Protein backbone atom coordinates (compact mmCIF):
# COMPACT_ATOMS: atom_id res chain seq x y z
CA MET A 1 4.14 -36.65 17.74
CA ALA A 2 4.94 -33.05 18.65
CA ASN A 3 2.28 -30.95 20.30
CA LYS A 4 0.78 -28.38 17.98
CA GLU A 5 0.43 -24.85 19.28
CA LYS A 6 -3.11 -24.00 20.27
CA ARG A 7 -4.75 -21.57 17.89
CA ILE A 8 -5.83 -18.34 19.52
CA ARG A 9 -9.34 -17.32 18.59
CA ARG A 10 -9.59 -13.62 17.92
CA SER A 11 -12.40 -11.37 16.82
CA PRO A 12 -12.11 -10.10 13.23
CA GLU A 13 -11.47 -6.58 14.57
CA GLU A 14 -8.65 -7.76 16.83
CA ALA A 15 -7.06 -9.85 14.05
CA GLN A 16 -7.18 -6.86 11.68
CA ARG A 17 -5.64 -4.56 14.29
CA LEU A 18 -2.80 -7.04 14.98
CA ILE A 19 -2.13 -7.46 11.26
CA LEU A 20 -2.11 -3.71 10.61
CA ASP A 21 0.19 -3.09 13.59
CA ALA A 22 2.56 -5.81 12.38
CA ALA A 23 2.51 -4.48 8.82
CA GLU A 24 3.45 -1.02 10.02
CA ARG A 25 6.38 -2.44 12.01
CA SER A 26 7.44 -4.80 9.20
CA MET A 27 7.67 -2.09 6.57
CA GLY A 28 10.39 -0.22 8.42
CA ALA A 29 12.73 1.75 6.21
CA GLY A 30 11.96 -0.38 3.15
CA GLY A 31 8.47 1.04 2.72
CA PRO A 32 5.51 -0.77 1.14
CA ALA A 33 7.59 -2.43 -1.57
CA SER A 34 9.50 -4.37 1.11
CA LEU A 35 6.34 -5.67 2.80
CA ARG A 36 6.10 -9.48 2.82
CA LEU A 37 2.84 -11.04 3.98
CA GLN A 38 4.68 -14.03 5.47
CA ASP A 39 6.68 -11.67 7.71
CA VAL A 40 3.52 -9.81 8.71
CA ALA A 41 1.76 -13.09 9.52
CA ARG A 42 4.64 -14.24 11.71
CA GLU A 43 4.86 -10.84 13.46
CA ALA A 44 1.09 -10.72 14.05
CA GLY A 45 0.82 -14.35 15.15
CA VAL A 46 -1.68 -15.23 12.42
CA SER A 47 -1.60 -17.34 9.29
CA HIS A 48 -0.91 -16.02 5.80
CA PRO A 49 -4.45 -17.02 4.68
CA THR A 50 -5.86 -14.96 7.55
CA ILE A 51 -4.24 -11.83 6.10
CA LEU A 52 -5.63 -12.64 2.66
CA HIS A 53 -9.07 -13.25 4.18
CA HIS A 54 -9.14 -9.81 5.83
CA PHE A 55 -7.29 -7.71 3.23
CA GLY A 56 -7.26 -9.65 -0.03
CA SER A 57 -3.68 -8.83 -1.04
CA ARG A 58 -0.56 -6.91 -0.09
CA GLU A 59 -2.02 -3.85 -1.84
CA GLY A 60 -5.25 -4.27 0.14
CA LEU A 61 -3.23 -4.35 3.35
CA VAL A 62 -1.33 -1.17 2.46
CA LEU A 63 -4.61 0.52 1.49
CA ALA A 64 -6.08 -0.46 4.87
CA LEU A 65 -3.02 1.00 6.63
CA ASN A 66 -3.60 4.29 4.86
CA ARG A 67 -7.30 4.22 5.71
CA ARG A 68 -6.46 3.67 9.37
CA SER A 69 -3.93 6.51 9.37
CA MET A 70 -6.39 8.83 7.64
CA GLU A 71 -9.16 7.87 10.08
CA ALA A 72 -6.92 8.70 13.04
CA LEU A 73 -5.79 11.97 11.47
CA THR A 74 -9.34 13.01 10.57
CA ALA A 75 -10.67 12.16 14.02
CA ALA A 76 -7.87 14.16 15.65
CA LEU A 77 -8.42 17.14 13.35
CA ILE A 78 -12.18 17.20 13.89
CA THR A 79 -11.84 16.84 17.65
CA ARG A 80 -9.22 19.57 17.87
CA MET A 81 -11.19 21.93 15.61
CA GLY A 82 -13.72 22.14 18.39
CA ASP A 83 -10.95 22.84 20.92
CA ASP A 84 -9.65 26.03 19.27
CA GLU A 85 -6.89 24.30 17.34
CA THR A 86 -5.19 26.92 15.19
CA ALA A 87 -4.78 26.58 11.43
CA GLN A 88 -1.07 26.08 12.05
CA ASP A 89 -1.74 23.21 14.48
CA GLY A 90 -4.01 21.47 11.98
CA ILE A 91 -1.52 21.92 9.16
CA ALA A 92 1.37 20.66 11.31
CA ARG A 93 -0.66 17.58 12.27
CA THR A 94 -1.53 16.89 8.62
CA PHE A 95 2.04 17.38 7.39
CA ALA A 96 3.36 15.05 10.11
CA ALA A 97 0.88 12.30 9.21
CA TYR A 98 1.85 12.42 5.54
CA ARG A 99 5.56 12.39 6.45
CA ASP A 100 4.98 9.42 8.77
CA GLY A 101 3.98 7.07 5.95
CA ILE A 102 0.74 8.14 4.31
CA ALA A 103 2.47 9.85 1.36
CA GLU A 104 4.86 6.99 0.64
CA ARG A 105 2.06 4.42 0.80
CA LEU A 106 -0.20 6.53 -1.45
CA VAL A 107 2.49 6.79 -4.12
CA TRP A 108 3.19 3.07 -3.92
CA LEU A 109 -0.53 2.28 -4.23
CA LEU A 110 -0.83 4.61 -7.23
CA GLN A 111 2.14 2.92 -8.91
CA ALA A 112 0.66 -0.50 -8.18
CA GLY A 113 -2.67 0.62 -9.65
CA ALA A 114 -4.32 -0.31 -6.36
CA LEU A 115 -6.10 2.95 -5.53
CA PRO A 116 -9.78 2.96 -6.40
CA SER A 117 -10.66 5.78 -8.77
CA GLY A 118 -13.64 8.09 -8.45
CA GLY A 119 -16.10 7.99 -5.60
CA LYS A 120 -16.38 10.24 -2.60
CA LEU A 121 -13.96 10.33 0.29
CA SER A 122 -16.27 10.44 3.31
CA ARG A 123 -13.56 11.39 5.83
CA TYR A 124 -12.46 14.25 3.58
CA ASP A 125 -16.07 15.45 3.58
CA ASP A 126 -16.12 15.18 7.38
CA VAL A 127 -13.13 17.55 7.67
CA VAL A 128 -14.69 19.96 5.17
CA ASP A 129 -18.01 19.93 7.05
CA SER A 130 -16.32 20.52 10.41
CA LEU A 131 -14.25 23.42 9.09
CA GLN A 132 -17.32 24.87 7.39
CA ARG A 133 -19.26 24.81 10.69
CA LEU A 134 -16.39 26.68 12.38
CA ARG A 135 -16.40 29.27 9.60
CA GLU A 136 -20.17 29.69 9.87
CA GLY A 137 -19.87 30.18 13.63
CA ALA A 138 -17.27 32.91 13.13
CA ALA A 139 -19.02 34.61 10.20
CA ARG A 140 -20.42 38.11 10.35
CA ASP A 141 -24.21 38.31 10.63
CA GLY A 142 -25.94 37.59 7.37
CA HIS A 143 -22.79 36.33 5.67
CA ALA A 144 -22.68 32.63 4.78
CA PRO A 145 -19.16 31.37 4.03
CA ASP A 146 -18.86 29.59 0.69
CA ILE A 147 -18.29 25.87 1.21
CA ALA A 148 -16.29 25.80 -2.05
CA ASP A 149 -13.64 27.93 -0.31
CA THR A 150 -13.58 25.46 2.58
CA ARG A 151 -13.15 22.53 0.20
CA HIS A 152 -10.32 24.32 -1.58
CA VAL A 153 -8.53 24.99 1.72
CA VAL A 154 -8.71 21.31 2.72
CA HIS A 155 -7.65 20.26 -0.79
CA LEU A 156 -4.69 22.67 -0.74
CA THR A 157 -3.59 21.42 2.67
CA VAL A 158 -3.71 17.75 1.62
CA VAL A 159 -1.88 18.38 -1.67
CA ALA A 160 0.76 20.51 0.08
CA ALA A 161 1.27 17.88 2.80
CA LEU A 162 1.61 15.11 0.21
CA GLY A 163 4.07 17.10 -1.90
CA ASP A 164 6.07 18.23 1.10
CA ALA A 165 6.40 14.65 2.38
CA LEU A 166 7.72 13.52 -1.01
CA ILE A 167 10.03 16.35 -2.11
CA GLY A 168 9.87 19.06 0.55
CA SER A 169 13.24 18.29 2.12
CA ARG A 170 14.97 18.46 -1.29
CA LEU A 171 13.33 21.77 -2.11
CA ARG A 172 14.24 23.17 1.30
CA GLY A 173 17.80 21.92 0.91
CA SER A 174 18.19 23.98 -2.25
CA TYR A 175 17.70 27.17 -0.25
CA GLY A 176 19.32 26.07 3.00
CA GLU A 177 16.24 25.41 5.13
CA THR A 178 16.05 22.17 7.11
CA SER A 179 12.67 22.33 8.86
CA SER A 180 9.18 22.25 7.34
CA ILE A 181 7.87 24.51 10.13
CA PRO A 182 8.48 27.85 8.34
CA PHE A 183 6.55 26.61 5.28
CA GLU A 184 3.74 25.24 7.47
CA ARG A 185 3.48 28.66 9.19
CA PHE A 186 3.48 30.40 5.83
CA LEU A 187 0.70 28.14 4.52
CA ALA A 188 -1.34 28.58 7.72
CA GLY A 189 -1.02 32.37 7.37
CA LEU A 190 -2.13 32.28 3.74
CA ILE A 191 -5.15 30.16 4.60
CA ARG A 192 -6.07 32.25 7.64
CA ASP A 193 -5.82 35.51 5.69
CA TYR A 194 -7.80 34.10 2.79
CA LEU A 195 -10.61 32.71 4.94
CA THR A 196 -10.74 35.89 7.04
CA ALA A 197 -11.13 37.97 3.89
CA ARG A 198 -13.90 35.67 2.65
CA THR A 199 -15.87 35.49 5.91
């Protein structure tokens, strides 16, 4: 009788990390629609039922990938806000994250009907709160910046990054531009000028 491979015992956190890493690698150019849980299990060195135990389904796995990407982006943005990151730096970081897979996975999840509707997005609120604190610190005496403006700036940035990741290169191609940097600078300038006028 052949020797069976010894099962490696992993913590739930480690198993989830390995599965998410493998899923990211397995998607490659095919995107979420090409993701096969059997391939992810083999790549991660876990069983197919282990993936289902942690994520429930392929859609659950893709949703978890987006959550992880958003967590990393949000943490980086909040950290850098305190280190004098410019509006342009924050926008560039956000646009890059959406280009690097978040946008494609969001669209796929929407088409699959796998995105929960309603409810608050706590990490979104964290970015809004951090930006609001910066605005309050820079405000003239006796002037309290409106948090609605801050929310709208974050909303605009996310929507622009999502749209740019999906169709930005086609739009730019129609007027002969190849890089997203000029648009990112333009958007950063608009936001800076708007917030300066409102502070």
